[in-house]
N, C-alpha and C. Protein backbone atom coordinates (compact mmCIF):
# COMPACT_ATOMS: atom_id res chain seq x y z
N MET A 1 -13.57 19.64 -24.13
CA MET A 1 -13.20 18.42 -23.45
C MET A 1 -13.41 18.74 -21.96
N PRO A 2 -13.82 17.84 -21.36
CA PRO A 2 -13.87 17.83 -19.77
C PRO A 2 -12.74 17.90 -19.09
N LEU A 3 -12.06 18.57 -18.24
CA LEU A 3 -10.92 18.17 -17.09
C LEU A 3 -11.09 16.82 -16.47
N SER A 4 -9.97 16.27 -16.55
CA SER A 4 -9.85 15.17 -15.63
C SER A 4 -10.39 15.26 -13.99
N THR A 5 -10.53 14.44 -13.08
CA THR A 5 -10.75 14.85 -11.90
C THR A 5 -9.52 14.42 -10.96
N THR A 6 -8.53 13.73 -11.40
CA THR A 6 -7.37 13.26 -11.01
C THR A 6 -6.34 13.60 -11.90
N PRO A 7 -4.96 13.46 -11.25
CA PRO A 7 -3.88 13.84 -12.05
C PRO A 7 -3.47 12.41 -12.51
N ASN A 8 -2.64 12.52 -13.47
CA ASN A 8 -2.13 11.37 -14.06
C ASN A 8 -0.67 10.79 -14.22
N THR A 9 0.39 11.21 -13.26
CA THR A 9 1.72 11.34 -13.65
C THR A 9 2.11 10.35 -14.19
N ILE A 10 1.74 9.00 -14.20
CA ILE A 10 2.43 7.81 -14.77
C ILE A 10 2.11 7.81 -16.31
N ALA A 11 1.16 8.36 -16.81
CA ALA A 11 0.85 8.68 -18.26
C ALA A 11 1.88 9.51 -18.63
N ILE A 12 2.16 10.99 -17.89
CA ILE A 12 3.11 11.45 -18.53
C ILE A 12 4.31 11.11 -18.80
N GLY A 13 4.95 10.29 -17.36
CA GLY A 13 6.13 9.72 -17.89
C GLY A 13 6.18 8.32 -18.94
N ASN A 14 5.02 7.62 -19.09
CA ASN A 14 4.98 6.81 -20.36
C ASN A 14 4.74 7.32 -21.59
N ALA A 15 4.20 8.56 -21.69
CA ALA A 15 4.08 9.38 -22.75
C ALA A 15 5.61 9.89 -23.35
N ILE A 16 6.28 10.44 -22.38
CA ILE A 16 7.83 10.94 -22.64
C ILE A 16 8.54 9.36 -23.26
N VAL A 17 8.75 8.19 -22.37
CA VAL A 17 9.18 7.00 -22.82
C VAL A 17 8.67 6.63 -24.47
N ALA A 18 7.52 6.74 -25.05
CA ALA A 18 6.78 6.19 -25.95
C ALA A 18 7.56 7.07 -27.11
N TYR A 19 7.40 8.37 -26.53
CA TYR A 19 8.29 9.43 -27.83
C TYR A 19 9.59 8.82 -27.93
N LEU A 20 10.30 8.85 -26.94
CA LEU A 20 11.97 8.38 -27.19
C LEU A 20 11.73 6.96 -27.83
N ALA A 21 11.12 6.08 -27.29
CA ALA A 21 11.06 4.54 -27.70
C ALA A 21 10.70 4.75 -29.60
N ALA A 22 10.17 5.72 -30.11
CA ALA A 22 9.68 5.88 -31.45
C ALA A 22 10.66 6.59 -32.38
N LEU A 23 11.98 7.22 -31.42
CA LEU A 23 12.67 8.23 -32.24
C LEU A 23 13.65 7.41 -33.30
N THR A 24 13.59 7.95 -34.40
CA THR A 24 14.64 7.24 -35.29
C THR A 24 15.57 8.78 -36.01
N TYR A 25 16.52 8.33 -36.38
CA TYR A 25 17.52 9.17 -37.44
C TYR A 25 17.07 9.15 -38.81
N PRO A 26 17.26 10.37 -39.60
CA PRO A 26 16.70 10.50 -41.03
C PRO A 26 16.76 9.05 -41.65
N ASP A 27 17.71 8.24 -41.14
CA ASP A 27 17.96 7.01 -42.16
C ASP A 27 17.14 6.07 -41.65
N THR A 28 16.14 6.23 -40.61
CA THR A 28 15.32 5.37 -40.05
C THR A 28 15.69 4.47 -39.01
N THR A 29 17.15 4.71 -38.80
CA THR A 29 17.45 3.57 -37.64
C THR A 29 16.78 4.16 -36.24
N PRO A 30 16.79 3.37 -35.35
CA PRO A 30 16.23 4.20 -34.28
C PRO A 30 17.61 4.37 -33.14
N VAL A 31 17.00 5.58 -32.84
CA VAL A 31 18.09 6.30 -31.92
C VAL A 31 18.31 5.62 -30.76
N TYR A 32 17.26 5.12 -30.37
CA TYR A 32 17.71 4.21 -28.88
C TYR A 32 17.37 2.62 -28.79
N LYS A 33 18.15 1.78 -28.50
CA LYS A 33 17.89 0.67 -27.92
C LYS A 33 17.01 0.03 -27.19
N LEU A 34 16.85 1.03 -26.09
CA LEU A 34 15.71 0.69 -25.13
C LEU A 34 15.59 2.03 -24.60
N ALA A 35 14.13 2.46 -24.13
CA ALA A 35 13.70 3.50 -23.70
C ALA A 35 12.83 3.20 -22.41
N GLN A 36 13.24 3.71 -21.09
CA GLN A 36 12.47 3.08 -20.11
C GLN A 36 11.97 3.96 -19.04
N LEU A 37 11.14 3.99 -18.54
CA LEU A 37 10.81 4.95 -17.21
C LEU A 37 11.49 4.07 -16.14
N GLU A 38 12.42 4.85 -15.45
CA GLU A 38 13.18 4.62 -14.36
C GLU A 38 14.54 3.87 -14.84
N ALA A 39 15.07 3.34 -14.03
CA ALA A 39 16.59 3.08 -14.41
C ALA A 39 16.44 1.68 -15.29
N ILE A 40 17.62 1.47 -16.29
CA ILE A 40 17.74 0.21 -16.93
C ILE A 40 18.61 -0.33 -15.72
N LYS A 41 18.43 -1.89 -15.70
CA LYS A 41 19.25 -2.70 -14.77
C LYS A 41 20.69 -2.90 -15.49
N ASN A 42 20.76 -3.30 -16.90
CA ASN A 42 22.33 -3.29 -17.14
C ASN A 42 22.19 -2.70 -18.70
N VAL A 43 22.97 -1.71 -18.93
CA VAL A 43 23.22 -1.09 -20.17
C VAL A 43 24.48 -1.84 -20.58
N VAL A 44 25.19 -2.49 -20.29
CA VAL A 44 26.34 -2.87 -21.06
C VAL A 44 26.10 -3.54 -22.49
N ASP A 45 25.51 -4.41 -22.32
CA ASP A 45 25.01 -5.06 -23.78
C ASP A 45 24.67 -4.29 -24.69
N LEU A 46 23.41 -3.31 -23.94
CA LEU A 46 23.13 -2.43 -25.06
C LEU A 46 23.77 -1.49 -26.06
N VAL A 47 24.64 -1.11 -25.66
CA VAL A 47 25.30 0.20 -26.03
C VAL A 47 27.16 -0.52 -26.29
N ALA A 48 27.13 -1.56 -25.93
CA ALA A 48 28.67 -2.29 -26.32
C ALA A 48 29.30 -2.28 -27.66
N THR A 49 28.25 -2.68 -28.62
CA THR A 49 28.65 -2.60 -30.43
C THR A 49 27.97 -1.16 -31.09
N GLY A 50 27.44 0.00 -30.09
CA GLY A 50 27.02 1.26 -30.65
C GLY A 50 25.50 1.22 -30.16
N GLY A 51 24.94 2.58 -30.55
CA GLY A 51 23.93 2.95 -30.10
C GLY A 51 23.83 3.43 -28.62
N ALA A 52 22.38 3.64 -28.31
CA ALA A 52 22.10 4.63 -26.88
C ALA A 52 20.99 3.70 -26.18
N CYS A 53 20.98 4.06 -25.09
CA CYS A 53 19.80 3.96 -24.53
C CYS A 53 19.34 5.23 -23.19
N VAL A 54 18.22 5.22 -22.84
CA VAL A 54 17.64 6.31 -22.51
C VAL A 54 16.57 5.76 -21.06
N GLU A 55 16.80 6.69 -20.24
CA GLU A 55 16.31 6.43 -19.00
C GLU A 55 15.48 7.84 -18.65
N VAL A 56 14.26 7.63 -17.99
CA VAL A 56 13.41 8.84 -17.81
C VAL A 56 12.86 9.05 -16.10
N TYR A 57 13.46 9.93 -15.51
CA TYR A 57 13.59 9.97 -13.98
C TYR A 57 12.08 11.28 -13.70
N GLY A 58 11.24 11.05 -12.72
CA GLY A 58 10.69 12.14 -12.32
C GLY A 58 11.57 12.93 -11.46
N HIS A 59 11.67 14.22 -11.45
CA HIS A 59 12.47 15.16 -10.72
C HIS A 59 11.54 15.97 -9.92
N GLU A 60 11.41 17.16 -10.50
CA GLU A 60 10.38 17.94 -9.41
C GLU A 60 9.17 17.82 -9.68
N ASP A 61 8.14 18.41 -8.21
CA ASP A 61 6.72 18.13 -8.52
C ASP A 61 6.14 18.90 -7.13
N ASP A 62 4.99 19.39 -8.16
CA ASP A 62 4.54 20.20 -7.16
C ASP A 62 2.91 20.08 -7.57
N SER A 63 2.06 20.59 -7.04
CA SER A 63 0.66 20.87 -7.31
C SER A 63 0.09 22.08 -6.52
N GLN A 64 -1.01 22.66 -6.93
CA GLN A 64 -1.27 24.16 -6.29
C GLN A 64 -2.83 24.59 -7.00
N HIS A 65 -3.46 24.96 -6.08
CA HIS A 65 -4.51 25.40 -6.32
C HIS A 65 -4.59 26.52 -7.42
N HIS A 66 -5.27 26.33 -8.90
CA HIS A 66 -5.11 27.47 -9.76
C HIS A 66 -6.15 28.53 -9.95
N THR A 67 -7.32 28.34 -9.67
CA THR A 67 -8.78 28.98 -10.16
C THR A 67 -9.74 28.69 -8.55
N PHE A 68 -10.78 29.53 -7.96
CA PHE A 68 -11.58 29.02 -7.49
C PHE A 68 -12.52 28.01 -8.28
N GLY A 69 -12.95 27.11 -7.43
CA GLY A 69 -13.86 25.95 -8.09
C GLY A 69 -12.92 24.61 -8.43
N GLY A 70 -12.00 24.48 -7.50
CA GLY A 70 -11.12 23.28 -7.61
C GLY A 70 -10.52 22.95 -9.06
N LYS A 71 -9.87 24.16 -9.72
CA LYS A 71 -9.00 23.71 -10.61
C LYS A 71 -7.28 23.61 -10.00
N ILE A 72 -6.82 22.69 -10.32
CA ILE A 72 -5.61 22.19 -9.68
C ILE A 72 -4.54 22.25 -11.15
N ARG A 73 -3.00 22.76 -10.79
CA ARG A 73 -2.10 22.82 -11.92
C ARG A 73 -0.89 22.52 -11.01
N ASP A 74 -0.37 20.97 -11.73
CA ASP A 74 0.47 20.15 -11.14
C ASP A 74 1.84 20.61 -12.02
N PRO A 75 2.70 21.32 -11.96
CA PRO A 75 4.10 21.52 -12.50
C PRO A 75 5.08 20.51 -12.00
N GLN A 76 5.56 19.92 -13.12
CA GLN A 76 6.68 18.81 -12.68
C GLN A 76 8.00 18.60 -13.88
N SER A 77 8.94 18.34 -13.44
CA SER A 77 10.02 18.00 -14.52
C SER A 77 10.25 16.65 -14.30
N TRP A 78 11.18 16.05 -15.37
CA TRP A 78 11.58 14.77 -15.62
C TRP A 78 13.07 14.98 -16.27
N TYR A 79 14.00 13.91 -15.87
CA TYR A 79 15.53 14.15 -16.31
C TYR A 79 15.03 12.87 -17.62
N ILE A 80 15.81 13.73 -18.65
CA ILE A 80 15.82 12.45 -19.74
C ILE A 80 17.29 11.94 -19.98
N LEU A 81 17.84 11.03 -19.62
CA LEU A 81 19.40 10.44 -19.73
C LEU A 81 19.51 9.59 -20.60
N SER A 82 20.61 10.18 -21.57
CA SER A 82 20.74 9.45 -22.79
C SER A 82 22.27 8.93 -22.41
N LEU A 83 22.56 7.81 -22.55
CA LEU A 83 23.67 6.78 -22.58
C LEU A 83 24.22 6.00 -23.63
N CYS A 84 25.54 6.11 -23.93
CA CYS A 84 26.38 5.49 -25.00
C CYS A 84 27.68 4.92 -24.59
N SER A 85 28.09 4.04 -25.46
CA SER A 85 29.45 3.56 -24.90
C SER A 85 30.77 4.67 -25.23
N LEU A 86 31.43 4.27 -24.29
CA LEU A 86 32.63 5.74 -23.94
C LEU A 86 34.17 4.60 -24.40
N ASP A 87 33.76 3.27 -25.03
CA ASP A 87 34.92 2.55 -25.67
C ASP A 87 35.97 3.14 -26.70
N THR A 88 35.18 3.71 -27.50
CA THR A 88 35.93 4.25 -28.65
C THR A 88 35.63 5.88 -28.92
N PRO A 89 36.34 6.78 -29.31
CA PRO A 89 35.89 8.11 -29.49
C PRO A 89 34.78 8.05 -30.66
N GLN A 90 34.37 7.02 -31.34
CA GLN A 90 33.52 6.96 -32.67
C GLN A 90 32.27 6.81 -32.09
N LEU A 91 32.25 5.59 -30.85
CA LEU A 91 31.15 5.29 -29.88
C LEU A 91 30.63 6.42 -29.32
N ALA A 92 31.40 7.22 -28.51
CA ALA A 92 31.37 7.97 -27.52
C ALA A 92 30.72 9.30 -28.35
N GLN A 93 31.04 9.75 -29.37
CA GLN A 93 30.79 10.94 -30.40
C GLN A 93 29.13 10.71 -30.61
N GLN A 94 28.44 9.23 -30.79
CA GLN A 94 27.20 9.21 -30.97
C GLN A 94 26.41 10.14 -29.96
N ILE A 95 26.61 10.41 -28.66
CA ILE A 95 26.00 11.10 -27.71
C ILE A 95 25.51 12.66 -28.37
N TYR A 96 25.91 13.01 -29.54
CA TYR A 96 25.84 14.34 -29.95
C TYR A 96 24.71 14.27 -31.00
N SER A 97 24.69 13.31 -31.80
CA SER A 97 23.56 12.77 -32.70
C SER A 97 22.39 12.39 -32.09
N VAL A 98 22.44 11.77 -30.65
CA VAL A 98 21.37 11.26 -30.01
C VAL A 98 20.65 12.43 -29.39
N ARG A 99 21.58 13.50 -28.52
CA ARG A 99 20.92 14.79 -28.31
C ARG A 99 20.62 15.74 -29.63
N ASP A 100 20.78 15.71 -30.55
CA ASP A 100 20.07 16.22 -31.61
C ASP A 100 18.63 15.70 -31.86
N ALA A 101 18.53 14.35 -31.77
CA ALA A 101 17.57 13.62 -32.28
C ALA A 101 16.17 13.93 -31.15
N LEU A 102 17.00 13.82 -29.83
CA LEU A 102 16.11 14.04 -28.60
C LEU A 102 15.45 15.32 -28.55
N VAL A 103 16.14 16.22 -28.75
CA VAL A 103 15.33 17.76 -28.77
C VAL A 103 14.19 17.78 -29.48
N GLN A 104 14.10 17.14 -30.98
CA GLN A 104 12.94 17.59 -31.77
C GLN A 104 11.85 17.54 -31.25
N PRO A 105 11.34 15.80 -30.80
CA PRO A 105 9.84 15.87 -30.55
C PRO A 105 9.53 16.60 -29.33
N PHE A 106 10.31 17.24 -28.26
CA PHE A 106 9.97 17.95 -27.16
C PHE A 106 9.59 19.30 -28.11
N GLN A 107 10.27 19.91 -28.83
CA GLN A 107 10.05 21.08 -29.33
C GLN A 107 8.77 20.92 -30.01
N GLN A 108 8.85 19.86 -30.71
CA GLN A 108 7.25 19.88 -31.83
C GLN A 108 6.11 19.35 -31.00
N HIS A 109 6.06 18.76 -29.73
CA HIS A 109 4.70 18.22 -29.30
C HIS A 109 4.89 18.71 -27.84
N ALA A 110 4.22 20.15 -27.63
CA ALA A 110 4.13 20.82 -26.73
C ALA A 110 3.21 20.49 -25.58
N THR A 111 2.42 19.40 -25.69
CA THR A 111 1.02 18.97 -25.06
C THR A 111 1.74 17.35 -24.69
N LEU A 112 2.81 16.80 -25.58
CA LEU A 112 3.00 15.18 -25.32
C LEU A 112 1.41 14.70 -25.82
N GLY A 113 0.88 15.05 -26.66
CA GLY A 113 -0.39 14.53 -27.02
C GLY A 113 -1.55 14.57 -25.90
N ASN A 114 -1.63 15.79 -25.09
CA ASN A 114 -1.99 15.73 -24.07
C ASN A 114 -2.43 14.19 -22.87
N ALA A 115 -1.17 14.13 -22.68
CA ALA A 115 -0.65 12.76 -22.19
C ALA A 115 -1.27 13.00 -20.70
N GLY A 116 -2.04 12.25 -19.89
CA GLY A 116 -2.35 12.12 -18.47
C GLY A 116 -3.21 13.68 -18.54
N THR A 117 -2.92 14.73 -18.09
CA THR A 117 -3.69 16.04 -18.38
C THR A 117 -2.54 17.40 -18.57
N VAL A 118 -1.70 16.66 -19.43
CA VAL A 118 -0.64 18.00 -19.74
C VAL A 118 -1.27 18.75 -20.75
N PHE A 119 -1.03 20.03 -20.29
CA PHE A 119 -1.54 21.22 -21.36
C PHE A 119 -0.29 22.05 -21.81
N HIS A 120 1.11 21.69 -21.23
CA HIS A 120 2.07 22.29 -21.66
C HIS A 120 3.29 21.29 -21.30
N SER A 121 4.28 21.30 -21.86
CA SER A 121 5.51 21.24 -22.02
C SER A 121 6.78 21.64 -22.37
N GLN A 122 8.03 21.70 -21.96
CA GLN A 122 9.07 22.36 -22.77
C GLN A 122 10.45 22.12 -22.03
N ILE A 123 11.42 21.78 -22.81
CA ILE A 123 12.78 21.55 -22.51
C ILE A 123 13.29 22.86 -21.42
N LYS A 124 13.39 22.24 -20.08
CA LYS A 124 13.98 23.65 -19.22
C LYS A 124 15.27 24.24 -19.87
N PRO A 125 15.13 25.82 -19.80
CA PRO A 125 16.38 26.31 -20.36
C PRO A 125 17.77 25.73 -19.61
N ASN A 126 18.63 25.97 -20.10
CA ASN A 126 19.78 25.43 -19.43
C ASN A 126 20.04 24.20 -18.88
N SER A 127 19.20 23.49 -19.08
CA SER A 127 19.20 22.15 -18.35
C SER A 127 20.21 21.08 -18.85
N GLY A 128 20.50 20.87 -20.28
CA GLY A 128 21.12 20.14 -21.03
C GLY A 128 22.60 19.94 -20.59
N GLN A 129 22.94 18.62 -20.32
CA GLN A 129 24.51 18.51 -19.92
C GLN A 129 25.23 17.17 -20.66
N PHE A 130 26.32 17.25 -21.05
CA PHE A 130 27.01 16.39 -21.49
C PHE A 130 28.30 15.92 -20.52
N PHE A 131 28.23 14.67 -20.19
CA PHE A 131 29.21 14.02 -18.91
C PHE A 131 29.51 12.69 -18.95
N ARG A 132 30.19 12.03 -18.39
CA ARG A 132 30.53 10.97 -17.93
C ARG A 132 29.85 10.24 -16.68
N ILE A 133 29.11 8.86 -16.84
CA ILE A 133 28.58 8.36 -15.88
C ILE A 133 28.90 7.05 -15.47
N PHE A 134 29.19 6.75 -14.33
CA PHE A 134 29.70 5.30 -14.10
C PHE A 134 28.28 4.30 -14.03
N ARG A 135 28.22 3.36 -14.41
CA ARG A 135 27.07 2.32 -14.31
C ARG A 135 27.52 1.01 -14.89
N ASN A 136 26.96 -0.10 -13.78
CA ASN A 136 27.13 -1.69 -14.41
C ASN A 136 28.78 -1.56 -14.27
N GLY A 137 29.48 -0.77 -13.39
CA GLY A 137 30.87 -1.21 -13.39
C GLY A 137 32.00 -0.32 -14.76
N LYS A 138 31.44 0.41 -15.45
CA LYS A 138 31.84 0.90 -16.48
C LYS A 138 31.89 2.41 -16.80
N TRP A 139 32.26 3.16 -17.22
CA TRP A 139 31.88 4.56 -17.79
C TRP A 139 31.40 4.68 -18.95
N TYR A 140 30.50 5.48 -18.94
CA TYR A 140 29.35 6.04 -20.37
C TYR A 140 29.53 7.37 -20.62
N ARG A 141 29.35 7.59 -21.75
CA ARG A 141 29.18 8.93 -22.27
C ARG A 141 27.91 9.07 -22.18
N SER A 142 27.37 10.41 -21.40
CA SER A 142 25.64 10.25 -21.32
C SER A 142 25.47 12.12 -21.56
N HIS A 143 24.18 12.22 -21.62
CA HIS A 143 23.56 13.40 -21.94
C HIS A 143 22.30 13.81 -21.10
N VAL A 144 22.12 14.31 -20.44
CA VAL A 144 20.82 14.84 -20.01
C VAL A 144 19.93 16.34 -20.33
N ILE A 145 18.78 15.98 -20.10
CA ILE A 145 17.75 17.57 -20.37
C ILE A 145 16.82 17.20 -19.07
N GLU A 146 16.47 18.26 -19.13
CA GLU A 146 15.03 18.45 -17.98
C GLU A 146 13.89 18.85 -18.61
N LEU A 147 12.90 17.97 -18.54
CA LEU A 147 11.56 18.25 -19.76
C LEU A 147 10.78 18.86 -18.49
N LEU A 148 10.26 20.25 -18.48
CA LEU A 148 9.34 20.51 -17.70
C LEU A 148 7.65 20.47 -18.25
N THR A 149 7.01 20.05 -17.50
CA THR A 149 5.42 19.48 -17.98
C THR A 149 4.45 20.19 -16.99
N MET A 150 3.45 20.41 -17.46
CA MET A 150 2.17 21.08 -16.43
C MET A 150 0.90 20.53 -16.85
N GLN A 151 0.34 19.78 -15.87
CA GLN A 151 -0.77 18.76 -15.79
C GLN A 151 -1.62 19.99 -15.05
N GLU A 152 -3.37 19.87 -15.94
CA GLU A 152 -4.10 20.59 -14.94
C GLU A 152 -5.52 19.52 -14.70
N TRP A 153 -6.00 19.55 -13.73
CA TRP A 153 -7.18 18.66 -13.57
C TRP A 153 -7.90 19.47 -12.64
N VAL A 154 -9.42 18.95 -12.29
CA VAL A 154 -10.38 19.77 -11.07
C VAL A 154 -10.66 18.92 -10.22
N LEU A 155 -10.76 19.16 -9.01
CA LEU A 155 -11.40 18.30 -7.73
C LEU A 155 -12.92 17.82 -8.11
N PRO A 156 -13.24 17.32 -8.10
CA PRO A 156 -14.61 16.60 -7.98
C PRO A 156 -15.75 17.47 -7.11
N THR A 157 -16.87 17.81 -8.17
CA THR A 157 -17.69 18.33 -7.00
C THR A 157 -19.25 17.70 -7.33
N PRO A 158 -19.99 17.32 -6.00
CA PRO A 158 -19.00 17.63 -4.81
C PRO A 158 -18.15 16.68 -4.34
N PRO A 159 -17.48 17.08 -3.53
CA PRO A 159 -17.19 17.87 -2.34
C PRO A 159 -16.80 19.52 -2.86
N GLY A 160 -15.45 18.98 -3.88
CA GLY A 160 -14.92 20.11 -4.38
C GLY A 160 -13.60 20.89 -3.13
N VAL A 161 -13.46 21.90 -3.22
CA VAL A 161 -12.57 22.13 -2.31
C VAL A 161 -13.35 22.38 -0.90
N ILE A 162 -12.44 21.85 0.12
CA ILE A 162 -13.35 22.18 1.66
C ILE A 162 -12.78 22.81 2.31
N ALA A 163 -13.58 23.93 3.02
CA ALA A 163 -12.96 24.85 3.80
C ALA A 163 -12.46 24.39 5.15
């Protein structure tokens, strides 16, 4: 399959969101009530009676020549932020099950289905954290991991790389 001649970062973000939106627990209950690229305006109603929501944010970004002939590699990283209610201990404890469901697809799908032009993705070592976050006037229980992706594309020839 020929390489793309342009990067496609939005396709990577959307692919991550699609994996998250499709996640279910073993009993087929959806993990997230909403998965979204960038901030969810109001999480209060989404998690008030249980359940979680998730936001995906682009974090680190780079683009480097990889080989002569115009092949480019773009390493990027993405924050995946899960939120659930902190109103009771039972609601707050959901974050641990959310975390377990979250890591599985990214350990299983190392190319995100070749989203955009991804040829490799992995969870960044030591990036996971549990914490509390203040949103919409309330505190929430949350978890974040950082997903590393690598996309590859080639400059169109001509002109290719111009000296």
